[in-house]
């Protein structure tokens, strides 16, 4: 597989706090976006250079409880506990481009790639991988598992004008995506298998997992974490 960074995911308890968090660091506020009725969430978005964008996502208080667990671990205790401390860079998505087909890839490797679900929002149509329990994706090997937002969700857009193309590009450029994890070696195995090992730099840590994005802004280099 050959993948590209599609977008960064800022998780927040609500869109207002997530938007304020991004604006306070990058100097530009995410806007627009919309609702994901199937997942009971909504978002705001921010276009950046190189076809990459940023998404602030939160549980939609006006949406009914979805039939399945919400994506990105938003229903899980560890993510909820982290959100009580404020918005944070929770995850990232890697794009699968034609002629590769995400649905076929998952069918060929169901033990490695989470189920693929179709999604729509307005004129947008896409497919992405979501574990059945809504958790963040993980790599499993020899009885061990690691993920915690550092292993990407895979996404394939089924429209030409996907957000990385259609959103106004702000003067923001992702310079480096990096992370630290107690099982960095295991994660590197998964990233290499996926063809995403050159997209993120990982280091071993004895502390909690963390994801960081260094972004060049008109005010200099800033970090989302």
Protein backbone atom coordinates (compact mmCIF):
# COMPACT_ATOMS: atom_id res chain seq x y z
CA UNK A 1 0.00 0.00 0.00
CA UNK A 2 1.01 3.61 -0.57
CA UNK A 3 -0.80 6.07 1.68
CA UNK A 4 -0.95 9.85 2.20
CA UNK A 5 -1.89 11.89 5.24
CA UNK A 6 -5.51 12.92 4.72
CA UNK A 7 -6.41 14.80 7.89
CA UNK A 8 -5.71 15.36 11.58
CA UNK A 9 -8.42 14.78 14.19
CA UNK A 10 -8.85 17.10 17.18
CA UNK A 11 -11.26 15.55 19.68
CA UNK A 12 -13.23 17.92 21.88
CA UNK A 13 -16.04 17.81 24.40
CA UNK A 14 -17.86 20.32 22.18
CA UNK A 15 -17.15 22.14 18.93
CA UNK A 16 -16.78 25.54 20.58
CA UNK A 17 -13.92 24.45 22.84
CA UNK A 18 -12.24 22.51 20.05
CA UNK A 19 -12.43 25.47 17.71
CA UNK A 20 -11.02 27.81 20.36
CA UNK A 21 -8.16 25.39 21.05
CA UNK A 22 -7.11 25.25 17.40
CA UNK A 23 -7.49 29.01 16.91
CA UNK A 24 -5.43 29.76 20.02
CA UNK A 25 -2.49 27.74 18.65
CA UNK A 26 -2.68 28.15 14.88
CA UNK A 27 -4.25 31.61 14.77
CA UNK A 28 -7.05 30.46 12.43
CA UNK A 29 -10.38 28.95 13.50
CA UNK A 30 -11.94 25.88 11.86
CA UNK A 31 -15.31 26.56 10.27
CA UNK A 32 -18.12 24.88 8.34
CA UNK A 33 -18.29 21.13 8.57
CA UNK A 34 -21.53 19.44 9.51
CA UNK A 35 -23.15 16.43 11.14
CA UNK A 36 -22.54 12.69 10.92
CA UNK A 37 -25.95 11.22 11.85
CA UNK A 38 -24.72 7.63 11.63
CA UNK A 39 -22.10 8.35 14.30
CA UNK A 40 -23.89 10.99 16.39
CA UNK A 41 -21.05 13.48 15.90
CA UNK A 42 -20.43 16.78 14.16
CA UNK A 43 -17.33 18.65 13.07
CA UNK A 44 -15.61 21.79 11.87
CA UNK A 45 -12.77 21.77 9.38
CA UNK A 46 -9.70 23.76 8.39
CA UNK A 47 -7.84 23.43 5.08
CA UNK A 48 -4.05 23.37 5.07
CA UNK A 49 -1.32 23.00 2.45
CA UNK A 50 -0.58 19.85 0.46
CA UNK A 51 -4.14 18.53 0.43
CA UNK A 52 -4.19 17.97 4.20
CA UNK A 53 -6.89 19.33 6.47
CA UNK A 54 -7.75 19.45 10.15
CA UNK A 55 -11.00 18.29 11.71
CA UNK A 56 -12.44 19.21 15.11
CA UNK A 57 -14.91 16.50 16.10
CA UNK A 58 -17.28 16.20 19.04
CA UNK A 59 -20.39 14.32 20.08
CA UNK A 60 -23.44 16.11 18.67
CA UNK A 61 -25.72 16.90 21.63
CA UNK A 62 -28.73 17.22 19.30
CA UNK A 63 -28.24 13.82 17.65
CA UNK A 64 -29.91 10.62 18.86
CA UNK A 65 -27.76 7.86 20.27
CA UNK A 66 -26.29 6.01 17.27
CA UNK A 67 -26.91 2.30 16.69
CA UNK A 68 -23.20 1.58 17.02
CA UNK A 69 -20.37 2.94 19.19
CA UNK A 70 -19.13 6.31 17.98
CA UNK A 71 -15.86 6.39 16.07
CA UNK A 72 -12.47 7.58 17.31
CA UNK A 73 -13.15 6.10 20.75
CA UNK A 74 -15.46 8.96 21.72
CA UNK A 75 -17.61 6.61 23.83
CA UNK A 76 -14.68 4.99 25.60
CA UNK A 77 -13.55 5.82 29.09
CA UNK A 78 -9.93 6.71 28.36
CA UNK A 79 -10.86 9.18 25.62
CA UNK A 80 -13.63 10.71 27.73
CA UNK A 81 -11.25 11.12 30.65
CA UNK A 82 -8.73 12.86 28.40
CA UNK A 83 -11.44 15.16 27.04
CA UNK A 84 -12.21 16.34 30.57
CA UNK A 85 -8.75 17.93 30.46
CA UNK A 86 -9.55 19.78 27.22
CA UNK A 87 -9.38 19.25 23.44
CA UNK A 88 -6.41 17.34 22.07
CA UNK A 89 -4.91 15.89 18.92
CA UNK A 90 -6.45 12.43 19.15
CA UNK A 91 -5.86 10.78 15.81
CA UNK A 92 -5.06 11.01 12.12
CA UNK A 93 -6.38 9.49 8.91
CA UNK A 94 -4.38 8.15 5.98
CA UNK A 95 -5.87 8.31 2.50
CA UNK A 96 -6.12 5.37 0.12
CA UNK A 97 -6.19 6.53 -3.51
CA UNK A 98 -7.29 4.69 -6.65
CA UNK A 99 -6.47 2.31 -8.19
CA UNK A 100 -6.27 0.79 -4.70
CA UNK A 101 -9.68 -0.04 -3.24
CA UNK A 102 -10.12 0.12 0.53
CA UNK A 103 -13.09 -2.27 0.61
CA UNK A 104 -11.19 -4.93 -1.31
CA UNK A 105 -8.09 -4.41 0.82
CA UNK A 106 -10.13 -4.99 3.98
CA UNK A 107 -11.75 -8.10 2.52
CA UNK A 108 -8.29 -9.47 1.73
CA UNK A 109 -6.92 -8.65 5.19
CA UNK A 110 -9.79 -8.72 7.70
CA UNK A 111 -7.39 -9.55 10.52
CA UNK A 112 -5.32 -6.43 9.81
CA UNK A 113 -7.83 -3.81 8.63
CA UNK A 114 -10.96 -2.85 10.57
CA UNK A 115 -14.39 -3.04 8.91
CA UNK A 116 -15.05 -0.44 6.22
CA UNK A 117 -18.19 1.66 6.56
CA UNK A 118 -19.68 4.06 3.99
CA UNK A 119 -20.34 7.63 5.10
CA UNK A 120 -22.00 10.71 3.60
CA UNK A 121 -22.21 14.37 4.58
CA UNK A 122 -23.85 16.71 2.09
CA UNK A 123 -22.22 16.06 -1.28
CA UNK A 124 -19.34 14.14 0.29
CA UNK A 125 -19.12 10.36 0.07
CA UNK A 126 -16.35 8.31 1.59
CA UNK A 127 -15.42 4.97 3.15
CA UNK A 128 -13.29 4.50 6.21
CA UNK A 129 -12.20 1.86 8.69
CA UNK A 130 -13.96 1.74 12.07
CA UNK A 131 -13.49 -1.09 14.58
CA UNK A 132 -16.79 -2.64 15.63
CA UNK A 133 -16.44 -1.28 19.17
CA UNK A 134 -15.69 2.25 17.91
CA UNK A 135 -12.17 2.19 19.34
CA UNK A 136 -9.15 3.80 17.79
CA UNK A 137 -7.39 1.36 15.41
CA UNK A 138 -4.71 -0.91 16.84
CA UNK A 139 -2.04 -3.27 15.54
CA UNK A 140 -2.02 -6.77 17.03
CA UNK A 141 0.86 -9.19 17.01
CA UNK A 142 1.65 -12.22 19.19
CA UNK A 143 -0.95 -11.34 21.80
CA UNK A 144 0.04 -7.69 22.06
CA UNK A 145 -1.85 -4.66 20.75
CA UNK A 146 -1.04 -0.97 20.36
CA UNK A 147 -2.84 1.98 18.81
CA UNK A 148 -3.97 4.89 20.99
CA UNK A 149 -4.53 7.18 18.00
CA UNK A 150 -1.06 6.72 16.49
CA UNK A 151 -2.08 4.05 13.99
CA UNK A 152 -4.18 5.80 11.32
CA UNK A 153 -7.74 5.25 10.28
CA UNK A 154 -7.80 4.44 6.57
CA UNK A 155 -10.08 6.55 4.39
CA UNK A 156 -11.00 6.52 0.71
CA UNK A 157 -12.95 9.36 -0.83
CA UNK A 158 -15.57 8.50 -3.45
CA UNK A 159 -15.82 12.07 -4.76
CA UNK A 160 -13.21 14.17 -6.53
CA UNK A 161 -13.83 17.31 -4.44
CA UNK A 162 -12.94 15.88 -1.04
CA UNK A 163 -12.05 18.35 1.75
CA UNK A 164 -8.30 18.28 1.15
CA UNK A 165 -9.04 19.58 -2.34
CA UNK A 166 -12.16 21.69 -1.86
CA UNK A 167 -11.47 23.53 1.40
CA UNK A 168 -9.81 26.96 1.15
CA UNK A 169 -6.13 26.45 1.88
CA UNK A 170 -5.03 28.50 4.83
CA UNK A 171 -1.36 29.50 5.31
CA UNK A 172 -0.73 26.40 7.40
CA UNK A 173 1.60 23.53 6.54
CA UNK A 174 2.08 20.26 8.40
CA UNK A 175 5.83 19.97 8.87
CA UNK A 176 6.02 16.86 11.04
CA UNK A 177 3.64 14.33 12.52
CA UNK A 178 5.17 12.46 15.43
CA UNK A 179 4.22 10.36 18.39
CA UNK A 180 5.51 8.54 21.43
CA UNK A 181 4.27 5.19 22.71
CA UNK A 182 5.38 2.47 25.15
CA UNK A 183 5.07 -0.04 22.29
CA UNK A 184 6.53 2.04 19.50
CA UNK A 185 8.20 -1.00 17.93
CA UNK A 186 4.90 -2.82 17.57
CA UNK A 187 3.29 0.25 16.02
CA UNK A 188 6.15 0.56 13.54
CA UNK A 189 5.41 -2.98 12.37
CA UNK A 190 1.83 -2.00 11.62
CA UNK A 191 2.77 1.27 9.95
CA UNK A 192 5.31 -0.49 7.74
CA UNK A 193 2.77 -3.13 6.70
CA UNK A 194 0.29 -0.39 5.83
CA UNK A 195 2.83 1.67 3.89
CA UNK A 196 2.48 4.56 6.34
CA UNK A 197 5.83 4.31 8.12
CA UNK A 198 7.21 7.41 6.37
CA UNK A 199 4.21 9.55 7.36
CA UNK A 200 4.80 9.66 11.13
CA UNK A 201 7.89 9.57 13.35
CA UNK A 202 7.59 7.37 16.44
CA UNK A 203 9.71 7.21 19.56
CA UNK A 204 9.67 4.88 22.54
CA UNK A 205 8.41 6.28 25.83
CA UNK A 206 7.65 5.03 29.31
CA UNK A 207 4.91 7.62 29.64
CA UNK A 208 1.42 7.79 28.17
CA UNK A 209 0.95 7.68 24.38
CA UNK A 210 1.00 11.08 22.70
CA UNK A 211 0.47 12.36 19.16
CA UNK A 212 1.94 15.70 18.02
CA UNK A 213 1.69 17.76 14.83
CA UNK A 214 4.15 20.55 14.10
CA UNK A 215 2.54 23.10 11.81
CA UNK A 216 4.14 26.10 10.12
CA UNK A 217 1.94 29.18 10.58
CA UNK A 218 2.37 32.89 9.79
CA UNK A 219 3.38 33.25 13.45
CA UNK A 220 6.04 30.52 13.24
CA UNK A 221 6.13 26.80 14.05
CA UNK A 222 3.30 25.68 16.36
CA UNK A 223 2.45 22.30 17.88
CA UNK A 224 -0.90 20.59 18.28
CA UNK A 225 -0.90 17.80 20.86
